[in-house]
C-alpha atoms as a PDB file:
ATOM      1  CA  UNK A   1     -24.011  29.170   6.974  1.00  0.00           C
ATOM      2  CA  UNK A   2     -26.107  27.944   9.987  1.00  0.00           C
ATOM      3  CA  UNK A   3     -27.419  25.042  11.784  1.00  0.00           C
ATOM      4  CA  UNK A   4     -30.978  24.297  10.015  1.00  0.00           C
ATOM      5  CA  UNK A   5     -33.285  23.503  13.045  1.00  0.00           C
ATOM      6  CA  UNK A   6     -35.494  20.780  12.936  1.00  0.00           C
ATOM      7  CA  UNK A   7     -38.824  21.539  11.634  1.00  0.00           C
ATOM      8  CA  UNK A   8     -41.519  22.251  14.778  1.00  0.00           C
ATOM      9  CA  UNK A   9     -44.589  20.521  14.992  1.00  0.00           C
ATOM     10  CA  UNK A  10     -46.556  23.729  13.666  1.00  0.00           C
ATOM     11  CA  UNK A  11     -44.911  23.081  10.367  1.00  0.00           C
ATOM     12  CA  UNK A  12     -46.645  19.669  10.069  1.00  0.00           C
ATOM     13  CA  UNK A  13     -43.567  18.408   8.170  1.00  0.00           C
ATOM     14  CA  UNK A  14     -43.709  21.214   5.247  1.00  0.00           C
ATOM     15  CA  UNK A  15     -39.811  22.055   5.894  1.00  0.00           C
ATOM     16  CA  UNK A  16     -38.948  18.500   4.601  1.00  0.00           C
ATOM     17  CA  UNK A  17     -40.962  18.247   1.616  1.00  0.00           C
ATOM     18  CA  UNK A  18     -39.230  16.770  -1.363  1.00  0.00           C
ATOM     19  CA  UNK A  19     -39.043  20.196  -3.098  1.00  0.00           C
ATOM     20  CA  UNK A  20     -37.432  21.620  -0.025  1.00  0.00           C
ATOM     21  CA  UNK A  21     -34.818  18.545   0.456  1.00  0.00           C
ATOM     22  CA  UNK A  22     -33.903  19.186  -3.221  1.00  0.00           C
ATOM     23  CA  UNK A  23     -33.461  23.051  -2.896  1.00  0.00           C
ATOM     24  CA  UNK A  24     -31.393  22.347   0.736  1.00  0.00           C
ATOM     25  CA  UNK A  25     -29.520  19.882  -1.068  1.00  0.00           C
ATOM     26  CA  UNK A  26     -28.710  21.775  -4.333  1.00  0.00           C
ATOM     27  CA  UNK A  27     -27.747  24.875  -2.292  1.00  0.00           C
ATOM     28  CA  UNK A  28     -25.341  23.128   0.417  1.00  0.00           C
ATOM     29  CA  UNK A  29     -23.369  21.133  -2.651  1.00  0.00           C
ATOM     30  CA  UNK A  30     -22.820  24.385  -4.195  1.00  0.00           C
ATOM     31  CA  UNK A  31     -21.576  26.231  -1.261  1.00  0.00           C
ATOM     32  CA  UNK A  32     -19.400  23.537   0.215  1.00  0.00           C
ATOM     33  CA  UNK A  33     -18.101  22.937  -3.476  1.00  0.00           C
ATOM     34  CA  UNK A  34     -17.004  26.586  -3.613  1.00  0.00           C
ATOM     35  CA  UNK A  35     -15.601  26.927   0.193  1.00  0.00           C
ATOM     36  CA  UNK A  36     -13.853  23.969   0.234  1.00  0.00           C
ATOM     37  CA  UNK A  37     -11.066  25.160   2.383  1.00  0.00           C
ATOM     38  CA  UNK A  38     -13.370  26.804   4.815  1.00  0.00           C
ATOM     39  CA  UNK A  39     -13.510  24.554   7.880  1.00  0.00           C
ATOM     40  CA  UNK A  40     -16.514  26.547   9.352  1.00  0.00           C
ATOM     41  CA  UNK A  41     -18.537  25.763   6.045  1.00  0.00           C
ATOM     42  CA  UNK A  42     -17.745  22.167   5.612  1.00  0.00           C
ATOM     43  CA  UNK A  43     -18.568  21.611   9.209  1.00  0.00           C
ATOM     44  CA  UNK A  44     -22.071  23.479   9.426  1.00  0.00           C
ATOM     45  CA  UNK A  45     -22.484  21.448   5.979  1.00  0.00           C
ATOM     46  CA  UNK A  46     -22.009  17.821   7.556  1.00  0.00           C
ATOM     47  CA  UNK A  47     -24.241  19.111  10.419  1.00  0.00           C
ATOM     48  CA  UNK A  48     -26.910  20.407   7.648  1.00  0.00           C
ATOM     49  CA  UNK A  49     -26.823  17.098   6.693  1.00  0.00           C
ATOM     50  CA  UNK A  50     -26.827  15.180   9.845  1.00  0.00           C
ATOM     51  CA  UNK A  51     -30.036  17.254  10.679  1.00  0.00           C
ATOM     52  CA  UNK A  52     -31.829  16.789   7.418  1.00  0.00           C
ATOM     53  CA  UNK A  53     -31.500  12.888   7.696  1.00  0.00           C
ATOM     54  CA  UNK A  54     -32.008  13.291  11.288  1.00  0.00           C
ATOM     55  CA  UNK A  55     -35.360  15.373  10.551  1.00  0.00           C
ATOM     56  CA  UNK A  56     -36.774  13.103   7.979  1.00  0.00           C
ATOM     57  CA  UNK A  57     -36.088   9.526  10.122  1.00  0.00           C
ATOM     58  CA  UNK A  58     -37.769  11.186  13.132  1.00  0.00           C
ATOM     59  CA  UNK A  59     -41.071  12.235  10.833  1.00  0.00           C
ATOM     60  CA  UNK A  60     -40.829   8.988   8.676  1.00  0.00           C
ATOM     61  CA  UNK A  61     -40.267  10.964   5.467  1.00  0.00           C
ATOM     62  CA  UNK A  62     -40.086   9.596   2.254  1.00  0.00           C
ATOM     63  CA  UNK A  63     -36.518   8.742   0.994  1.00  0.00           C
ATOM     64  CA  UNK A  64     -37.208   9.418  -2.572  1.00  0.00           C
ATOM     65  CA  UNK A  65     -35.211  12.725  -2.474  1.00  0.00           C
ATOM     66  CA  UNK A  66     -31.787  11.643  -0.870  1.00  0.00           C
ATOM     67  CA  UNK A  67     -31.543   8.507  -2.851  1.00  0.00           C
ATOM     68  CA  UNK A  68     -31.933  10.249  -6.413  1.00  0.00           C
ATOM     69  CA  UNK A  69     -29.835  13.016  -5.171  1.00  0.00           C
ATOM     70  CA  UNK A  70     -27.029  10.721  -2.943  1.00  0.00           C
ATOM     71  CA  UNK A  71     -23.888  11.546  -4.960  1.00  0.00           C
ATOM     72  CA  UNK A  72     -24.380  15.330  -3.717  1.00  0.00           C
ATOM     73  CA  UNK A  73     -24.605  15.064  -0.204  1.00  0.00           C
ATOM     74  CA  UNK A  74     -22.080  11.825  -0.111  1.00  0.00           C
ATOM     75  CA  UNK A  75     -19.480  13.505  -2.232  1.00  0.00           C
ATOM     76  CA  UNK A  76     -19.408  16.475  -0.049  1.00  0.00           C
ATOM     77  CA  UNK A  77     -18.935  14.846   3.041  1.00  0.00           C
ATOM     78  CA  UNK A  78     -16.109  12.762   2.001  1.00  0.00           C
ATOM     79  CA  UNK A  79     -14.159  15.779  -0.057  1.00  0.00           C
ATOM     80  CA  UNK A  80     -14.287  17.380   3.258  1.00  0.00           C
ATOM     81  CA  UNK A  81     -13.236  14.567   5.172  1.00  0.00           C
ATOM     82  CA  UNK A  82     -10.139  13.930   3.075  1.00  0.00           C
ATOM     83  CA  UNK A  83      -8.977  18.071   2.376  1.00  0.00           C
ATOM     84  CA  UNK A  84      -9.624  18.984   6.517  1.00  0.00           C
ATOM     85  CA  UNK A  85      -8.263  15.240   7.680  1.00  0.00           C
ATOM     86  CA  UNK A  86      -6.309  17.455  10.588  1.00  0.00           C
ATOM     87  CA  UNK A  87      -9.755  19.601  11.838  1.00  0.00           C
ATOM     88  CA  UNK A  88     -11.218  17.628  14.669  1.00  0.00           C
ATOM     89  CA  UNK A  89     -14.648  19.979  13.707  1.00  0.00           C
ATOM     90  CA  UNK A  90     -14.398  18.592  10.424  1.00  0.00           C
ATOM     91  CA  UNK A  91     -14.296  15.184  10.923  1.00  0.00           C
ATOM     92  CA  UNK A  92     -16.706  14.712  13.575  1.00  0.00           C
ATOM     93  CA  UNK A  93     -19.284  16.455  12.033  1.00  0.00           C
ATOM     94  CA  UNK A  94     -18.596  14.387   8.446  1.00  0.00           C
ATOM     95  CA  UNK A  95     -18.492  11.146  10.485  1.00  0.00           C
ATOM     96  CA  UNK A  96     -21.547  12.024  12.045  1.00  0.00           C
ATOM     97  CA  UNK A  97     -23.117  12.841   8.779  1.00  0.00           C
ATOM     98  CA  UNK A  98     -21.854   9.998   7.299  1.00  0.00           C
ATOM     99  CA  UNK A  99     -23.433   7.360   9.450  1.00  0.00           C
ATOM    100  CA  UNK A 100     -26.388   9.546   9.382  1.00  0.00           C
ATOM    101  CA  UNK A 101     -27.009   8.758   5.631  1.00  0.00           C
ATOM    102  CA  UNK A 102     -25.606   5.391   5.480  1.00  0.00           C
ATOM    103  CA  UNK A 103     -28.512   4.328   7.892  1.00  0.00           C
ATOM    104  CA  UNK A 104     -30.994   6.459   5.678  1.00  0.00           C
ATOM    105  CA  UNK A 105     -30.588   5.529   2.343  1.00  0.00           C
ATOM    106  CA  UNK A 106     -31.497   2.595   0.686  1.00  0.00           C
ATOM    107  CA  UNK A 107     -28.799   0.137   0.419  1.00  0.00           C
ATOM    108  CA  UNK A 108     -28.930  -0.415  -3.302  1.00  0.00           C
ATOM    109  CA  UNK A 109     -28.028   3.158  -3.740  1.00  0.00           C
ATOM    110  CA  UNK A 110     -25.271   3.072  -1.651  1.00  0.00           C
ATOM    111  CA  UNK A 111     -23.330  -0.089  -2.693  1.00  0.00           C
ATOM    112  CA  UNK A 112     -21.403   1.522  -5.645  1.00  0.00           C
ATOM    113  CA  UNK A 113     -20.565   3.872  -2.833  1.00  0.00           C
ATOM    114  CA  UNK A 114     -18.891   1.726  -0.695  1.00  0.00           C
ATOM    115  CA  UNK A 115     -15.543   1.115  -2.031  1.00  0.00           C
ATOM    116  CA  UNK A 116     -14.859   4.826  -1.837  1.00  0.00           C
ATOM    117  CA  UNK A 117     -16.149   5.182   1.841  1.00  0.00           C
ATOM    118  CA  UNK A 118     -14.041   2.494   3.068  1.00  0.00           C
ATOM    119  CA  UNK A 119     -10.593   3.761   1.959  1.00  0.00           C
ATOM    120  CA  UNK A 120     -11.599   7.222   3.427  1.00  0.00           C
ATOM    121  CA  UNK A 121     -12.297   5.775   6.597  1.00  0.00           C
ATOM    122  CA  UNK A 122      -9.241   3.549   6.821  1.00  0.00           C
ATOM    123  CA  UNK A 123      -7.374   6.745   5.858  1.00  0.00           C
ATOM    124  CA  UNK A 124      -8.880   8.815   8.707  1.00  0.00           C
ATOM    125  CA  UNK A 125      -7.975   5.733  11.032  1.00  0.00           C
ATOM    126  CA  UNK A 126      -4.435   5.591   9.838  1.00  0.00           C
ATOM    127  CA  UNK A 127      -3.984   9.012  10.408  1.00  0.00           C
ATOM    128  CA  UNK A 128      -5.696  10.203  13.444  1.00  0.00           C
ATOM    129  CA  UNK A 129      -4.804   9.504  17.227  1.00  0.00           C
ATOM    130  CA  UNK A 130      -8.117  11.056  18.271  1.00  0.00           C
ATOM    131  CA  UNK A 131     -10.121   8.325  19.779  1.00  0.00           C
ATOM    132  CA  UNK A 132     -13.317   9.635  19.608  1.00  0.00           C
ATOM    133  CA  UNK A 133     -13.158   9.991  15.790  1.00  0.00           C
ATOM    134  CA  UNK A 134     -11.517   6.768  15.675  1.00  0.00           C
ATOM    135  CA  UNK A 135     -14.577   5.133  17.120  1.00  0.00           C
ATOM    136  CA  UNK A 136     -17.217   6.987  14.770  1.00  0.00           C
ATOM    137  CA  UNK A 137     -15.062   5.535  12.008  1.00  0.00           C
ATOM    138  CA  UNK A 138     -14.800   2.479  13.304  1.00  0.00           C
ATOM    139  CA  UNK A 139     -18.895   2.700  13.888  1.00  0.00           C
ATOM    140  CA  UNK A 140     -19.477   3.469  10.165  1.00  0.00           C
ATOM    141  CA  UNK A 141     -17.314   0.616   8.909  1.00  0.00           C
ATOM    142  CA  UNK A 142     -19.446  -1.593  11.416  1.00  0.00           C
ATOM    143  CA  UNK A 143     -22.430  -0.211   9.712  1.00  0.00           C
ATOM    144  CA  UNK A 144     -21.507  -1.386   6.342  1.00  0.00           C
ATOM    145  CA  UNK A 145     -20.530  -4.821   6.892  1.00  0.00           C
ATOM    146  CA  UNK A 146     -24.224  -5.996   6.024  1.00  0.00           C
ATOM    147  CA  UNK A 147     -23.745  -4.079   2.736  1.00  0.00           C
ATOM    148  CA  UNK A 148     -20.372  -5.750   1.559  1.00  0.00           C
ATOM    149  CA  UNK A 149     -20.718  -7.559  -1.904  1.00  0.00           C
ATOM    150  CA  UNK A 150     -17.176  -9.397  -1.319  1.00  0.00           C
ATOM    151  CA  UNK A 151     -14.181  -8.519   0.645  1.00  0.00           C
ATOM    152  CA  UNK A 152     -12.205  -7.455  -2.459  1.00  0.00           C
ATOM    153  CA  UNK A 153     -13.099  -3.667  -1.237  1.00  0.00           C
ATOM    154  CA  UNK A 154     -12.342  -4.145   2.152  1.00  0.00           C
ATOM    155  CA  UNK A 155      -9.735  -6.680   2.999  1.00  0.00           C
ATOM    156  CA  UNK A 156      -6.556  -4.799   1.529  1.00  0.00           C
ATOM    157  CA  UNK A 157      -3.456  -6.219   3.872  1.00  0.00           C
ATOM    158  CA  UNK A 158      -3.177  -2.563   4.387  1.00  0.00           C
ATOM    159  CA  UNK A 159      -6.564  -1.547   6.218  1.00  0.00           C
ATOM    160  CA  UNK A 160      -5.961  -4.721   8.103  1.00  0.00           C
ATOM    161  CA  UNK A 161      -2.008  -3.376   9.438  1.00  0.00           C
ATOM    162  CA  UNK A 162      -4.386   0.088  10.553  1.00  0.00           C
ATOM    163  CA  UNK A 163      -6.939  -2.565  12.980  1.00  0.00           C
ATOM    164  CA  UNK A 164      -3.756  -4.134  14.210  1.00  0.00           C
ATOM    165  CA  UNK A 165      -2.385  -0.602  14.957  1.00  0.00           C
ATOM    166  CA  UNK A 166      -5.598   0.196  16.565  1.00  0.00           C
ATOM    167  CA  UNK A 167      -5.366  -2.927  18.839  1.00  0.00           C
ATOM    168  CA  UNK A 168      -2.448  -1.351  20.769  1.00  0.00           C
ATOM    169  CA  UNK A 169      -5.021   1.740  21.804  1.00  0.00           C
ATOM    170  CA  UNK A 170      -5.504   2.616  25.389  1.00  0.00           C
ATOM    171  CA  UNK A 171      -9.460   3.221  24.571  1.00  0.00           C
ATOM    172  CA  UNK A 172     -11.410   0.123  25.482  1.00  0.00           C
ATOM    173  CA  UNK A 173     -14.027   0.736  22.842  1.00  0.00           C
ATOM    174  CA  UNK A 174     -11.596   1.009  19.938  1.00  0.00           C
ATOM    175  CA  UNK A 175     -10.159  -2.112  21.075  1.00  0.00           C
ATOM    176  CA  UNK A 176     -14.033  -3.541  20.998  1.00  0.00           C
ATOM    177  CA  UNK A 177     -14.462  -2.392  17.587  1.00  0.00           C
ATOM    178  CA  UNK A 178     -11.498  -2.798  15.595  1.00  0.00           C
ATOM    179  CA  UNK A 179     -11.103  -6.523  16.987  1.00  0.00           C
ATOM    180  CA  UNK A 180     -14.724  -7.023  15.817  1.00  0.00           C
ATOM    181  CA  UNK A 181     -14.351  -5.932  12.125  1.00  0.00           C
ATOM    182  CA  UNK A 182     -10.424  -7.527  12.211  1.00  0.00           C
ATOM    183  CA  UNK A 183     -12.182 -10.986  13.233  1.00  0.00           C
ATOM    184  CA  UNK A 184     -15.042 -10.194  10.391  1.00  0.00           C
ATOM    185  CA  UNK A 185     -12.410  -9.683   7.675  1.00  0.00           C
ATOM    186  CA  UNK A 186     -10.468 -12.595   8.715  1.00  0.00           C
ATOM    187  CA  UNK A 187     -13.922 -14.945   8.518  1.00  0.00           C
ATOM    188  CA  UNK A 188     -14.803 -13.889   5.038  1.00  0.00           C
ATOM    189  CA  UNK A 189     -11.598 -13.650   3.524  1.00  0.00           C
ATOM    190  CA  UNK A 190      -9.396 -16.787   3.978  1.00  0.00           C
ATOM    191  CA  UNK A 191      -6.469 -15.743   1.469  1.00  0.00           C
ATOM    192  CA  UNK A 192      -6.229 -12.656   3.397  1.00  0.00           C
ATOM    193  CA  UNK A 193      -6.078 -14.647   7.007  1.00  0.00           C
ATOM    194  CA  UNK A 194      -3.548 -16.943   5.474  1.00  0.00           C
ATOM    195  CA  UNK A 195      -0.943 -13.860   4.201  1.00  0.00           C
ATOM    196  CA  UNK A 196      -1.274 -12.036   7.626  1.00  0.00           C
ATOM    197  CA  UNK A 197      -0.800 -15.067  10.065  1.00  0.00           C
ATOM    198  CA  UNK A 198       2.326 -15.931   8.159  1.00  0.00           C
ATOM    199  CA  UNK A 199       3.936 -12.637   9.805  1.00  0.00           C
ATOM    200  CA  UNK A 200       5.217 -12.954  13.314  1.00  0.00           C
ATOM    201  CA  UNK A 201       4.366  -9.392  14.179  1.00  0.00           C
ATOM    202  CA  UNK A 202       0.735 -10.077  13.384  1.00  0.00           C
ATOM    203  CA  UNK A 203       0.960 -13.298  16.113  1.00  0.00           C
ATOM    204  CA  UNK A 204       2.522 -11.058  18.540  1.00  0.00           C
ATOM    205  CA  UNK A 205       0.226  -7.895  18.265  1.00  0.00           C
ATOM    206  CA  UNK A 206      -2.797 -10.513  18.786  1.00  0.00           C
ATOM    207  CA  UNK A 207      -1.503 -11.939  21.511  1.00  0.00           C
ATOM    208  CA  UNK A 208      -0.286  -8.660  23.043  1.00  0.00           C
ATOM    209  CA  UNK A 209      -3.932  -7.018  22.725  1.00  0.00           C
ATOM    210  CA  UNK A 210      -5.280 -10.221  24.533  1.00  0.00           C
ATOM    211  CA  UNK A 211      -2.982  -9.794  27.830  1.00  0.00           C
ATOM    212  CA  UNK A 212      -3.754  -5.939  27.690  1.00  0.00           C
ATOM    213  CA  UNK A 213      -5.799  -4.978  30.425  1.00  0.00           C
ATOM    214  CA  UNK A 214      -8.313  -3.254  28.186  1.00  0.00           C
ATOM    215  CA  UNK A 215      -9.176  -6.881  26.544  1.00  0.00           C
ATOM    216  CA  UNK A 216     -12.690  -7.838  28.279  1.00  0.00           C
ATOM    217  CA  UNK A 217     -14.079 -11.532  27.312  1.00  0.00           C
ATOM    218  CA  UNK A 218     -15.877 -10.314  24.109  1.00  0.00           C
ATOM    219  CA  UNK A 219     -12.364  -8.722  22.760  1.00  0.00           C
ATOM    220  CA  UNK A 220     -10.373 -11.662  23.468  1.00  0.00           C
ATOM    221  CA  UNK A 221     -13.340 -13.868  21.688  1.00  0.00           C
ATOM    222  CA  UNK A 222     -12.537 -11.785  18.725  1.00  0.00           C
ATOM    223  CA  UNK A 223      -8.873 -12.202  18.788  1.00  0.00           C
ATOM    224  CA  UNK A 224      -9.362 -15.724  19.517  1.00  0.00           C
ATOM    225  CA  UNK A 225     -11.615 -16.204  16.222  1.00  0.00           C
ATOM    226  CA  UNK A 226      -8.723 -14.128  14.128  1.00  0.00           C
ATOM    227  CA  UNK A 227      -6.064 -16.598  15.611  1.00  0.00           C
END
């Protein structure tokens, strides 16, 4: 596996023709499926997806092939994130590829996959203490907010508990993103909001976050909207 470079101008975009895209995704899916335990293959596979999307975005390429084959790259990314949860390299490559893919494909194509994507993101957030990986996962969650058909796929109490845990982070960016997502969930799910506010631990965590040295005005606004 090698990191496929962005097509140079002399190729006039021929590299990313629909046929090329189809062949790359087919080969990529087979390779990543056959070498699931190989962290190098999985990480490089995600980088190829990232580079493919980046090349198409830069050149204004057609989304048809990626839309029609969304299952192959998306499934490969989610599986490698699940299998290699302890690999920082795979997690970083996978999150970057996932973010690029979500930003490129048509929304109606992506919607059937939202529940699985969100589930994996919260699993990652729950088990990792790496602030960079946390930020990447939180950024993807923010990207997905506009696609939510309802809060049933995003508003589980376990997901919110994970966000509450992140409010204890020492990293300002993690605090900002997790508090913003939490505020969104509480605003759009009254039942969940009522359930969580009955817990004294929730109030304590929120107040502690507001008094933290890391909490700026926007974070405090987010917390106040939850309260």
